[in-house]
Protein backbone atom coordinates (compact mmCIF):
# COMPACT_ATOMS: atom_id res chain seq x y z
CA UNK A 1 106.80 184.88 194.89
CA UNK A 2 106.12 186.39 191.51
CA UNK A 3 105.23 184.51 188.58
CA UNK A 4 105.83 185.77 184.80
CA UNK A 5 103.79 183.82 182.60
CA UNK A 6 104.72 183.69 178.80
CA UNK A 7 102.87 181.09 176.74
CA UNK A 8 103.36 177.55 178.16
CA UNK A 9 106.24 178.77 180.10
CA UNK A 10 106.30 180.48 183.79
CA UNK A 11 109.58 182.23 185.52
CA UNK A 12 109.39 182.11 188.86
CA UNK A 13 110.89 185.00 191.00
CA UNK A 14 111.56 184.97 194.61
CA UNK A 15 111.49 187.35 197.03
CA UNK A 16 114.52 187.87 199.37
CA UNK A 17 113.57 185.18 201.67
CA UNK A 18 115.64 181.75 202.88
CA UNK A 19 115.73 179.05 200.37
CA UNK A 20 113.61 176.68 202.76
CA UNK A 21 110.69 179.37 202.82
CA UNK A 22 111.34 179.97 198.93
CA UNK A 23 110.92 175.77 198.51
CA UNK A 24 107.92 175.81 200.73
CA UNK A 25 106.02 178.70 198.86
CA UNK A 26 107.08 177.12 195.52
CA UNK A 27 105.44 173.54 196.42
CA UNK A 28 102.22 175.48 197.52
CA UNK A 29 102.06 177.20 194.31
CA UNK A 30 102.96 174.17 192.47
CA UNK A 31 99.54 173.12 191.42
CA UNK A 32 98.84 176.70 189.60
CA UNK A 33 101.99 175.99 187.47
CA UNK A 34 102.15 172.37 187.18
CA UNK A 35 101.13 172.48 183.43
CA UNK A 36 103.75 175.10 182.39
CA UNK A 37 107.75 174.57 181.49
CA UNK A 38 109.34 176.24 184.76
CA UNK A 39 112.26 178.40 184.81
CA UNK A 40 113.09 179.21 188.55
CA UNK A 41 115.22 182.29 189.11
CA UNK A 42 117.60 182.35 191.76
CA UNK A 43 119.27 185.46 191.28
CA UNK A 44 118.47 186.86 194.48
CA UNK A 45 120.09 184.41 196.62
CA UNK A 46 123.42 185.67 197.60
CA UNK A 47 124.85 182.54 199.00
CA UNK A 48 123.90 179.58 196.99
CA UNK A 49 126.02 176.22 196.83
CA UNK A 50 125.74 173.08 194.62
CA UNK A 51 124.20 171.33 197.70
CA UNK A 52 121.27 173.91 197.85
CA UNK A 53 120.49 172.83 194.37
CA UNK A 54 119.80 169.44 195.62
CA UNK A 55 116.78 170.83 197.21
CA UNK A 56 114.95 171.42 193.76
CA UNK A 57 115.53 167.53 193.14
CA UNK A 58 112.31 166.15 194.07
CA UNK A 59 110.08 169.14 192.45
CA UNK A 60 112.52 168.65 189.19
CA UNK A 61 111.79 165.11 188.90
CA UNK A 62 107.99 165.09 189.25
CA UNK A 63 107.80 167.91 186.51
CA UNK A 64 110.19 166.36 184.17
CA UNK A 65 107.85 163.37 184.64
CA UNK A 66 104.99 165.42 183.34
CA UNK A 67 106.95 165.95 180.32
CA UNK A 68 107.60 169.59 181.01
CA UNK A 69 110.83 171.44 181.44
CA UNK A 70 112.32 172.47 185.04
CA UNK A 71 115.15 174.82 184.71
CA UNK A 72 116.92 176.66 187.76
CA UNK A 73 118.90 180.02 186.84
CA UNK A 74 121.70 181.09 188.96
CA UNK A 75 125.35 182.51 188.31
CA UNK A 76 126.16 181.37 191.96
CA UNK A 77 126.90 177.89 191.21
CA UNK A 78 128.89 176.47 188.21
CA UNK A 79 127.51 174.28 186.03
CA UNK A 80 130.11 171.90 186.37
CA UNK A 81 129.52 172.04 190.19
CA UNK A 82 125.53 171.34 190.00
CA UNK A 83 124.10 168.07 190.25
CA UNK A 84 123.57 166.43 186.90
CA UNK A 85 120.05 165.50 187.80
CA UNK A 86 118.92 169.20 187.95
CA UNK A 87 119.37 171.46 185.18
CA UNK A 88 121.22 174.52 185.82
CA UNK A 89 122.10 177.52 183.63
CA UNK A 90 123.48 181.14 184.30
CA UNK A 91 120.87 183.41 182.45
CA UNK A 92 117.26 183.45 181.81
CA UNK A 93 118.10 183.25 177.89
CA UNK A 94 119.73 179.78 178.24
CA UNK A 95 116.91 178.71 180.20
CA UNK A 96 114.54 179.57 177.32
CA UNK A 97 117.18 177.79 175.07
CA UNK A 98 117.04 174.62 177.16
CA UNK A 99 113.15 174.56 177.09
CA UNK A 100 113.08 174.91 173.40
CA UNK A 101 115.67 171.94 172.88
CA UNK A 102 114.05 169.65 175.43
CA UNK A 103 110.26 170.55 173.48
CA UNK A 104 112.27 169.32 170.15
CA UNK A 105 113.40 166.25 171.62
CA UNK A 106 110.00 165.51 173.26
CA UNK A 107 108.47 165.96 170.01
CA UNK A 108 111.02 163.68 168.12
CA UNK A 109 110.61 161.03 171.16
CA UNK A 110 114.19 161.42 171.92
């Protein structure tokens, strides 16, 4: 697992491993990154389905309860097919844009 921290945002890149192993590693590393906005890059997974995105629901909900953004980045799952409860975008740039918008909303108590 590779972490790229810039300011209060951390991008998490995964090695070429199974989704279940990646989630296990992410949960293990979570205490180190829990105070940052998180962008989870899933580009190295060649086969990813909308159901796989649900595997991130628990950690996403936990993170958002702390008023921090949690964004998954993949171009393997269409936005329309992704579960509404988890934020999924196709590019890292869009993930940063989502974090900026959510930060504005939090500051305005929207």
